[in-house]
Amino acid sequence: MWEVQALASEILIIAVGILLIYSFLFGWCRIPDNSMYPAAKDGDLVVFYRLDKDYEARDLIVLEVDGAKEVRRVVAVAGDNIDFENGMLVINGIPRREPGIYEKSEQFLKGIEFPIQVPEGKVFVLGDARENSKDSRIYGTVDIKNTYGTVIMIVRRREF
């Protein structure tokens, strides 16, 4: 009987440990739309690391906008100047050719005015599906405090 209780205690301690690690270090969310296509599709699950908020260009991050979690790609960090020319993203005066982006990157008619400079403590994010994505072109730069962390894994739920 004593062995069964000891085993149950060990299993409980391990389960609580995993739950604590998962709660404080990692998180997950479901992608609600196709704004990150083709990197991630509607319905995919992403796992993110909460402690990594030292973002660089090309990082996928989870952020909160209007009370909903979204996944977007960081394209510019503090101090970078952003503009759009001839269907291309221009950062610090240099047009960017972005691998995996198949649509034109253009400024929306509604949204913020360009060119802009990213302030300290903020990032500029875009969806990979540039023509159909709600991103920093509409709501401006994102405060790093309103982000959850860096995406470390995408779990494709359908259409392998």
N, C-alpha and C. Protein backbone atom coordinates (compact mmCIF):
# COMPACT_ATOMS: atom_id res chain seq x y z
N MET A 1 0.82 -1.20 0.00
CA MET A 1 0.00 0.00 0.00
C MET A 1 0.87 1.26 0.00
N TRP A 2 1.95 1.19 0.78
CA TRP A 2 2.85 2.35 0.89
C TRP A 2 3.45 2.70 -0.47
N GLU A 3 3.80 1.69 -1.29
CA GLU A 3 4.38 1.93 -2.60
C GLU A 3 3.40 2.65 -3.53
N VAL A 4 2.13 2.31 -3.45
CA VAL A 4 1.11 2.94 -4.28
C VAL A 4 0.97 4.41 -3.92
N GLN A 5 0.96 4.72 -2.64
CA GLN A 5 0.86 6.12 -2.21
C GLN A 5 2.10 6.91 -2.61
N ALA A 6 3.27 6.32 -2.50
CA ALA A 6 4.51 6.99 -2.90
C ALA A 6 4.51 7.26 -4.40
N LEU A 7 4.07 6.28 -5.18
CA LEU A 7 3.99 6.45 -6.63
C LEU A 7 2.99 7.54 -7.00
N ALA A 8 1.84 7.53 -6.36
CA ALA A 8 0.81 8.56 -6.61
C ALA A 8 1.34 9.94 -6.25
N SER A 9 2.08 10.04 -5.15
CA SER A 9 2.66 11.33 -4.74
C SER A 9 3.67 11.82 -5.77
N GLU A 10 4.51 10.93 -6.26
CA GLU A 10 5.50 11.31 -7.26
C GLU A 10 4.83 11.77 -8.55
N ILE A 11 3.81 11.05 -8.98
CA ILE A 11 3.07 11.44 -10.19
C ILE A 11 2.43 12.80 -10.00
N LEU A 12 1.85 13.04 -8.85
CA LEU A 12 1.22 14.34 -8.55
C LEU A 12 2.25 15.46 -8.56
N ILE A 13 3.40 15.23 -7.95
CA ILE A 13 4.46 16.25 -7.92
C ILE A 13 4.96 16.55 -9.34
N ILE A 14 5.14 15.54 -10.14
CA ILE A 14 5.58 15.74 -11.52
C ILE A 14 4.53 16.51 -12.31
N ALA A 15 3.26 16.14 -12.16
CA ALA A 15 2.18 16.83 -12.88
C ALA A 15 2.09 18.30 -12.47
N VAL A 16 2.20 18.59 -11.19
CA VAL A 16 2.16 19.98 -10.71
C VAL A 16 3.38 20.74 -11.24
N GLY A 17 4.54 20.10 -11.25
CA GLY A 17 5.74 20.74 -11.79
C GLY A 17 5.59 21.08 -13.27
N ILE A 18 5.08 20.16 -14.05
CA ILE A 18 4.86 20.41 -15.48
C ILE A 18 3.85 21.53 -15.67
N LEU A 19 2.79 21.51 -14.89
CA LEU A 19 1.77 22.57 -14.98
C LEU A 19 2.36 23.94 -14.64
N LEU A 20 3.18 24.02 -13.61
CA LEU A 20 3.79 25.30 -13.25
C LEU A 20 4.75 25.79 -14.33
N ILE A 21 5.58 24.88 -14.84
CA ILE A 21 6.51 25.27 -15.90
C ILE A 21 5.74 25.75 -17.12
N TYR A 22 4.70 25.01 -17.50
CA TYR A 22 3.91 25.39 -18.67
C TYR A 22 3.23 26.73 -18.45
N SER A 23 2.70 26.97 -17.26
CA SER A 23 1.96 28.20 -16.98
C SER A 23 2.85 29.43 -16.99
N PHE A 24 4.08 29.30 -16.51
CA PHE A 24 4.93 30.47 -16.39
C PHE A 24 5.93 30.64 -17.53
N LEU A 25 6.30 29.57 -18.20
CA LEU A 25 7.29 29.66 -19.26
C LEU A 25 6.69 29.60 -20.66
N PHE A 26 5.66 28.80 -20.82
CA PHE A 26 5.10 28.57 -22.14
C PHE A 26 3.61 28.87 -22.15
N GLY A 27 3.08 29.10 -23.33
CA GLY A 27 1.66 29.29 -23.51
C GLY A 27 1.28 28.81 -24.89
N TRP A 28 0.01 28.76 -25.17
CA TRP A 28 -0.43 28.36 -26.50
C TRP A 28 -1.67 29.16 -26.87
N CYS A 29 -1.88 29.29 -28.16
CA CYS A 29 -3.10 29.92 -28.65
C CYS A 29 -3.40 29.38 -30.04
N ARG A 30 -4.64 29.53 -30.44
CA ARG A 30 -5.10 29.08 -31.75
C ARG A 30 -5.09 30.27 -32.68
N ILE A 31 -4.65 30.09 -33.90
CA ILE A 31 -4.67 31.16 -34.89
C ILE A 31 -6.09 31.27 -35.43
N PRO A 32 -6.72 32.45 -35.29
CA PRO A 32 -8.14 32.58 -35.64
C PRO A 32 -8.43 32.88 -37.11
N ASP A 33 -7.41 33.20 -37.91
CA ASP A 33 -7.66 33.59 -39.30
C ASP A 33 -6.45 33.24 -40.16
N ASN A 34 -6.51 33.62 -41.42
CA ASN A 34 -5.41 33.31 -42.35
C ASN A 34 -4.46 34.48 -42.56
N SER A 35 -4.36 35.39 -41.61
CA SER A 35 -3.50 36.55 -41.81
C SER A 35 -2.01 36.20 -41.75
N MET A 36 -1.66 35.02 -41.28
CA MET A 36 -0.25 34.59 -41.26
C MET A 36 0.05 33.53 -42.32
N TYR A 37 -0.88 33.32 -43.26
CA TYR A 37 -0.68 32.34 -44.32
C TYR A 37 0.47 32.78 -45.22
N PRO A 38 1.39 31.97 -45.64
CA PRO A 38 1.44 30.52 -45.55
C PRO A 38 2.19 29.97 -44.34
N ALA A 39 2.82 30.82 -43.52
CA ALA A 39 3.57 30.31 -42.37
C ALA A 39 2.66 29.57 -41.40
N ALA A 40 1.47 30.08 -41.18
CA ALA A 40 0.50 29.45 -40.28
C ALA A 40 -0.88 29.65 -40.87
N LYS A 41 -1.73 28.66 -40.65
CA LYS A 41 -3.08 28.70 -41.21
C LYS A 41 -4.13 28.83 -40.12
N ASP A 42 -5.33 29.20 -40.53
CA ASP A 42 -6.47 29.27 -39.64
C ASP A 42 -6.64 27.92 -38.93
N GLY A 43 -6.71 27.95 -37.61
CA GLY A 43 -6.90 26.74 -36.83
C GLY A 43 -5.62 26.13 -36.29
N ASP A 44 -4.46 26.56 -36.79
CA ASP A 44 -3.20 26.04 -36.26
C ASP A 44 -3.02 26.47 -34.82
N LEU A 45 -2.31 25.67 -34.06
CA LEU A 45 -1.97 26.02 -32.69
C LEU A 45 -0.52 26.48 -32.66
N VAL A 46 -0.24 27.52 -31.89
CA VAL A 46 1.14 27.96 -31.71
C VAL A 46 1.50 27.86 -30.24
N VAL A 47 2.73 27.45 -30.00
CA VAL A 47 3.28 27.41 -28.65
C VAL A 47 4.28 28.55 -28.58
N PHE A 48 4.19 29.35 -27.53
CA PHE A 48 5.10 30.49 -27.40
C PHE A 48 5.83 30.46 -26.08
N TYR A 49 7.01 31.08 -26.09
CA TYR A 49 7.87 31.16 -24.91
C TYR A 49 7.68 32.54 -24.30
N ARG A 50 7.17 32.59 -23.09
CA ARG A 50 6.79 33.84 -22.44
C ARG A 50 7.98 34.73 -22.05
N LEU A 51 9.13 34.15 -21.77
CA LEU A 51 10.24 34.94 -21.24
C LEU A 51 11.08 35.64 -22.30
N ASP A 52 10.89 35.31 -23.57
CA ASP A 52 11.67 35.93 -24.65
C ASP A 52 10.89 37.09 -25.24
N LYS A 53 11.23 38.30 -24.82
CA LYS A 53 10.59 39.49 -25.38
C LYS A 53 11.62 40.46 -25.95
N ASP A 54 12.80 39.94 -26.24
CA ASP A 54 13.85 40.72 -26.90
C ASP A 54 13.73 40.42 -28.39
N TYR A 55 12.72 41.03 -29.02
CA TYR A 55 12.34 40.67 -30.38
C TYR A 55 13.30 41.22 -31.42
N GLU A 56 13.42 40.46 -32.50
CA GLU A 56 14.20 40.86 -33.66
C GLU A 56 13.30 40.74 -34.89
N ALA A 57 13.69 41.39 -35.97
CA ALA A 57 12.95 41.28 -37.22
C ALA A 57 12.89 39.81 -37.63
N ARG A 58 11.75 39.40 -38.16
CA ARG A 58 11.41 38.04 -38.62
C ARG A 58 10.86 37.15 -37.52
N ASP A 59 10.90 37.57 -36.25
CA ASP A 59 10.32 36.76 -35.17
C ASP A 59 8.81 36.72 -35.30
N LEU A 60 8.21 35.57 -35.05
CA LEU A 60 6.76 35.47 -34.90
C LEU A 60 6.46 35.65 -33.43
N ILE A 61 5.49 36.52 -33.14
CA ILE A 61 5.15 36.78 -31.75
C ILE A 61 3.64 36.67 -31.55
N VAL A 62 3.25 36.46 -30.30
CA VAL A 62 1.85 36.47 -29.92
C VAL A 62 1.61 37.78 -29.19
N LEU A 63 0.57 38.49 -29.61
CA LEU A 63 0.26 39.78 -29.00
C LEU A 63 -1.24 39.89 -28.77
N GLU A 64 -1.62 40.90 -28.02
CA GLU A 64 -3.03 41.12 -27.77
C GLU A 64 -3.46 42.45 -28.39
N VAL A 65 -4.51 42.37 -29.21
CA VAL A 65 -5.07 43.57 -29.84
C VAL A 65 -6.58 43.49 -29.67
N ASP A 66 -7.16 44.53 -29.11
CA ASP A 66 -8.61 44.60 -28.88
C ASP A 66 -9.12 43.38 -28.11
N GLY A 67 -8.35 42.93 -27.13
CA GLY A 67 -8.77 41.82 -26.29
C GLY A 67 -8.62 40.44 -26.88
N ALA A 68 -8.04 40.32 -28.08
CA ALA A 68 -7.87 39.02 -28.72
C ALA A 68 -6.39 38.75 -29.00
N LYS A 69 -5.99 37.48 -28.85
CA LYS A 69 -4.62 37.10 -29.17
C LYS A 69 -4.46 36.96 -30.67
N GLU A 70 -3.35 37.49 -31.17
CA GLU A 70 -3.01 37.39 -32.59
C GLU A 70 -1.56 36.96 -32.73
N VAL A 71 -1.23 36.35 -33.84
CA VAL A 71 0.15 36.01 -34.17
C VAL A 71 0.56 36.88 -35.34
N ARG A 72 1.67 37.58 -35.20
CA ARG A 72 2.17 38.46 -36.26
C ARG A 72 3.69 38.35 -36.33
N ARG A 73 4.24 38.84 -37.44
CA ARG A 73 5.68 38.83 -37.66
C ARG A 73 6.25 40.21 -37.36
N VAL A 74 7.30 40.26 -36.55
CA VAL A 74 7.99 41.52 -36.28
C VAL A 74 8.79 41.88 -37.52
N VAL A 75 8.58 43.10 -38.03
CA VAL A 75 9.36 43.53 -39.20
C VAL A 75 10.29 44.69 -38.85
N ALA A 76 10.03 45.36 -37.72
CA ALA A 76 10.88 46.48 -37.33
C ALA A 76 10.85 46.63 -35.81
N VAL A 77 11.97 47.06 -35.26
CA VAL A 77 12.10 47.27 -33.81
C VAL A 77 12.42 48.73 -33.53
N ALA A 78 12.58 49.07 -32.26
CA ALA A 78 12.80 50.45 -31.85
C ALA A 78 13.92 51.11 -32.65
N GLY A 79 13.64 52.31 -33.15
CA GLY A 79 14.61 53.08 -33.91
C GLY A 79 14.52 52.91 -35.41
N ASP A 80 13.84 51.88 -35.88
CA ASP A 80 13.71 51.64 -37.32
C ASP A 80 12.68 52.59 -37.93
N ASN A 81 12.95 53.04 -39.15
CA ASN A 81 12.01 53.87 -39.91
C ASN A 81 11.31 52.98 -40.94
N ILE A 82 9.99 53.11 -41.02
CA ILE A 82 9.19 52.24 -41.88
C ILE A 82 8.42 53.06 -42.89
N ASP A 83 8.40 52.55 -44.13
CA ASP A 83 7.61 53.16 -45.19
C ASP A 83 7.26 52.05 -46.19
N PHE A 84 6.42 52.39 -47.16
CA PHE A 84 6.04 51.45 -48.21
C PHE A 84 6.21 52.15 -49.54
N GLU A 85 6.84 51.45 -50.51
CA GLU A 85 7.07 51.98 -51.86
C GLU A 85 6.92 50.87 -52.88
N ASN A 86 6.17 51.13 -53.92
CA ASN A 86 6.04 50.19 -55.04
C ASN A 86 5.71 48.76 -54.59
N GLY A 87 4.82 48.63 -53.60
CA GLY A 87 4.42 47.31 -53.14
C GLY A 87 5.45 46.60 -52.28
N MET A 88 6.44 47.35 -51.78
CA MET A 88 7.48 46.75 -50.94
C MET A 88 7.58 47.47 -49.61
N LEU A 89 7.93 46.72 -48.59
CA LEU A 89 8.22 47.27 -47.28
C LEU A 89 9.61 47.89 -47.33
N VAL A 90 9.73 49.12 -46.83
CA VAL A 90 11.01 49.82 -46.83
C VAL A 90 11.37 50.12 -45.38
N ILE A 91 12.51 49.58 -44.93
CA ILE A 91 12.97 49.79 -43.56
C ILE A 91 14.31 50.50 -43.61
N ASN A 92 14.37 51.64 -42.95
CA ASN A 92 15.58 52.47 -42.92
C ASN A 92 16.08 52.80 -44.32
N GLY A 93 15.14 53.04 -45.24
CA GLY A 93 15.47 53.44 -46.60
C GLY A 93 15.81 52.29 -47.54
N ILE A 94 15.78 51.06 -47.04
CA ILE A 94 16.15 49.90 -47.85
C ILE A 94 14.92 49.04 -48.11
N PRO A 95 14.54 48.85 -49.39
CA PRO A 95 13.42 47.95 -49.69
C PRO A 95 13.76 46.52 -49.28
N ARG A 96 12.81 45.85 -48.63
CA ARG A 96 13.05 44.49 -48.12
C ARG A 96 12.42 43.44 -49.02
N ARG A 97 13.22 42.48 -49.40
CA ARG A 97 12.72 41.30 -50.09
C ARG A 97 12.56 40.26 -48.99
N GLU A 98 11.32 39.86 -48.76
CA GLU A 98 11.03 38.99 -47.63
C GLU A 98 10.69 37.58 -48.09
N PRO A 99 11.50 36.59 -47.69
CA PRO A 99 11.20 35.21 -48.07
C PRO A 99 9.88 34.76 -47.46
N GLY A 100 9.07 34.07 -48.23
CA GLY A 100 7.81 33.56 -47.73
C GLY A 100 6.65 34.53 -47.82
N ILE A 101 6.89 35.75 -48.30
CA ILE A 101 5.83 36.74 -48.47
C ILE A 101 5.55 36.83 -49.97
N TYR A 102 4.30 36.49 -50.35
CA TYR A 102 3.97 36.39 -51.77
C TYR A 102 3.03 37.49 -52.24
N GLU A 103 2.63 38.36 -51.34
CA GLU A 103 1.73 39.46 -51.71
C GLU A 103 2.47 40.78 -51.57
N LYS A 104 1.95 41.81 -52.23
CA LYS A 104 2.55 43.13 -52.12
C LYS A 104 2.36 43.68 -50.71
N SER A 105 3.37 44.38 -50.24
CA SER A 105 3.30 45.05 -48.94
C SER A 105 2.98 46.51 -49.21
N GLU A 106 1.76 46.90 -48.93
CA GLU A 106 1.35 48.27 -49.21
C GLU A 106 0.67 48.89 -48.00
N GLN A 107 0.72 50.19 -47.97
CA GLN A 107 0.04 50.96 -46.94
C GLN A 107 -1.47 50.89 -47.19
N PHE A 108 -2.27 50.75 -46.11
CA PHE A 108 -3.71 50.74 -46.25
C PHE A 108 -4.25 52.16 -46.35
N LEU A 109 -5.42 52.32 -46.97
CA LEU A 109 -6.05 53.64 -47.04
C LEU A 109 -6.46 54.13 -45.65
N LYS A 110 -6.98 53.20 -44.83
CA LYS A 110 -7.31 53.53 -43.45
C LYS A 110 -6.18 53.03 -42.57
N GLY A 111 -5.85 53.79 -41.58
CA GLY A 111 -4.78 53.37 -40.69
C GLY A 111 -3.84 54.52 -40.41
N ILE A 112 -2.61 54.17 -40.04
CA ILE A 112 -1.65 55.20 -39.65
C ILE A 112 -0.97 55.80 -40.87
N GLU A 113 -0.35 56.94 -40.68
CA GLU A 113 0.37 57.65 -41.75
C GLU A 113 1.83 57.20 -41.76
N PHE A 114 2.39 57.07 -42.93
CA PHE A 114 3.79 56.69 -43.11
C PHE A 114 4.54 57.81 -43.77
N PRO A 115 5.84 57.89 -43.60
CA PRO A 115 6.74 57.02 -42.85
C PRO A 115 6.61 57.25 -41.34
N ILE A 116 7.00 56.23 -40.57
CA ILE A 116 7.02 56.35 -39.11
C ILE A 116 8.32 55.78 -38.58
N GLN A 117 8.65 56.17 -37.36
CA GLN A 117 9.79 55.58 -36.66
C GLN A 117 9.25 54.82 -35.46
N VAL A 118 9.76 53.61 -35.25
CA VAL A 118 9.30 52.78 -34.14
C VAL A 118 9.89 53.34 -32.84
N PRO A 119 9.01 53.71 -31.88
CA PRO A 119 9.51 54.23 -30.59
C PRO A 119 10.14 53.13 -29.73
N GLU A 120 10.87 53.55 -28.73
CA GLU A 120 11.49 52.63 -27.77
C GLU A 120 10.40 51.83 -27.05
N GLY A 121 10.64 50.53 -26.85
CA GLY A 121 9.70 49.67 -26.14
C GLY A 121 8.54 49.19 -26.99
N LYS A 122 8.64 49.39 -28.32
CA LYS A 122 7.57 48.97 -29.23
C LYS A 122 8.15 48.23 -30.42
N VAL A 123 7.28 47.51 -31.14
CA VAL A 123 7.66 46.82 -32.37
C VAL A 123 6.61 47.10 -33.43
N PHE A 124 6.98 46.94 -34.68
CA PHE A 124 6.06 47.08 -35.80
C PHE A 124 5.86 45.69 -36.37
N VAL A 125 4.60 45.24 -36.45
CA VAL A 125 4.30 43.87 -36.87
C VAL A 125 3.41 43.86 -38.10
N LEU A 126 3.59 42.83 -38.93
CA LEU A 126 2.75 42.62 -40.10
C LEU A 126 2.35 41.15 -40.17
N GLY A 127 1.20 40.90 -40.77
CA GLY A 127 0.82 39.52 -41.08
C GLY A 127 1.48 39.12 -42.38
N ASP A 128 1.70 37.84 -42.58
CA ASP A 128 2.34 37.37 -43.81
C ASP A 128 1.41 37.50 -45.02
N ALA A 129 0.11 37.39 -44.81
CA ALA A 129 -0.87 37.60 -45.89
C ALA A 129 -1.13 39.10 -45.93
N ARG A 130 -0.24 39.84 -46.55
CA ARG A 130 -0.20 41.30 -46.45
C ARG A 130 -1.46 42.00 -46.92
N GLU A 131 -2.15 41.44 -47.90
CA GLU A 131 -3.32 42.14 -48.44
C GLU A 131 -4.56 41.97 -47.57
N ASN A 132 -4.57 40.99 -46.66
CA ASN A 132 -5.76 40.71 -45.85
C ASN A 132 -5.45 40.62 -44.36
N SER A 133 -4.48 41.34 -43.89
CA SER A 133 -4.07 41.22 -42.50
C SER A 133 -4.33 42.51 -41.72
N LYS A 134 -4.89 42.36 -40.54
CA LYS A 134 -5.03 43.49 -39.62
C LYS A 134 -3.75 43.52 -38.80
N ASP A 135 -2.96 44.59 -38.97
CA ASP A 135 -1.65 44.63 -38.33
C ASP A 135 -1.26 46.07 -38.02
N SER A 136 0.02 46.34 -37.84
CA SER A 136 0.49 47.66 -37.45
C SER A 136 0.19 48.75 -38.47
N ARG A 137 -0.13 48.40 -39.69
CA ARG A 137 -0.53 49.41 -40.67
C ARG A 137 -1.86 50.04 -40.26
N ILE A 138 -2.64 49.33 -39.48
CA ILE A 138 -3.92 49.84 -39.01
C ILE A 138 -3.81 50.37 -37.59
N TYR A 139 -3.29 49.57 -36.66
CA TYR A 139 -3.30 49.96 -35.25
C TYR A 139 -1.97 50.52 -34.75
N GLY A 140 -1.00 50.68 -35.61
CA GLY A 140 0.26 51.30 -35.22
C GLY A 140 1.21 50.33 -34.54
N THR A 141 2.26 50.89 -33.97
CA THR A 141 3.25 50.05 -33.30
C THR A 141 2.64 49.39 -32.07
N VAL A 142 3.22 48.27 -31.68
CA VAL A 142 2.70 47.48 -30.56
C VAL A 142 3.66 47.60 -29.38
N ASP A 143 3.10 47.91 -28.22
CA ASP A 143 3.88 47.98 -27.00
C ASP A 143 4.31 46.56 -26.61
N ILE A 144 5.58 46.39 -26.33
CA ILE A 144 6.09 45.07 -25.97
C ILE A 144 5.37 44.53 -24.73
N LYS A 145 4.87 45.40 -23.88
CA LYS A 145 4.11 44.97 -22.70
C LYS A 145 2.83 44.24 -23.09
N ASN A 146 2.31 44.51 -24.30
CA ASN A 146 1.07 43.87 -24.77
C ASN A 146 1.34 42.61 -25.58
N THR A 147 2.55 42.07 -25.46
CA THR A 147 2.89 40.84 -26.17
C THR A 147 3.04 39.71 -25.16
N TYR A 148 2.84 38.50 -25.63
CA TYR A 148 2.94 37.32 -24.75
C TYR A 148 4.28 36.62 -24.87
N GLY A 149 4.91 36.67 -26.04
CA GLY A 149 6.19 36.00 -26.21
C GLY A 149 6.43 35.58 -27.65
N THR A 150 7.54 34.88 -27.85
CA THR A 150 7.98 34.45 -29.17
C THR A 150 7.45 33.05 -29.49
N VAL A 151 6.93 32.89 -30.69
CA VAL A 151 6.44 31.59 -31.13
C VAL A 151 7.63 30.66 -31.31
N ILE A 152 7.52 29.47 -30.70
CA ILE A 152 8.60 28.49 -30.81
C ILE A 152 8.17 27.25 -31.59
N MET A 153 6.84 27.09 -31.76
CA MET A 153 6.37 25.91 -32.49
C MET A 153 4.97 26.17 -33.03
N ILE A 154 4.75 25.69 -34.26
CA ILE A 154 3.42 25.74 -34.86
C ILE A 154 2.95 24.31 -35.06
N VAL A 155 1.75 24.02 -34.56
CA VAL A 155 1.19 22.68 -34.71
C VAL A 155 0.09 22.78 -35.75
N ARG A 156 0.32 22.19 -36.90
CA ARG A 156 -0.64 22.22 -38.00
C ARG A 156 -1.76 21.25 -37.66
N ARG A 157 -2.99 21.76 -37.62
CA ARG A 157 -4.11 20.93 -37.19
C ARG A 157 -4.82 20.27 -38.35
N ARG A 158 -4.64 20.76 -39.56
CA ARG A 158 -5.30 20.14 -40.71
C ARG A 158 -4.51 20.47 -41.98
N GLU A 159 -4.85 19.79 -43.05
CA GLU A 159 -4.21 19.98 -44.35
C GLU A 159 -2.70 19.85 -44.30
N PHE A 160 -2.24 18.72 -43.77
CA PHE A 160 -0.81 18.48 -43.72
C PHE A 160 -0.30 18.48 -45.11
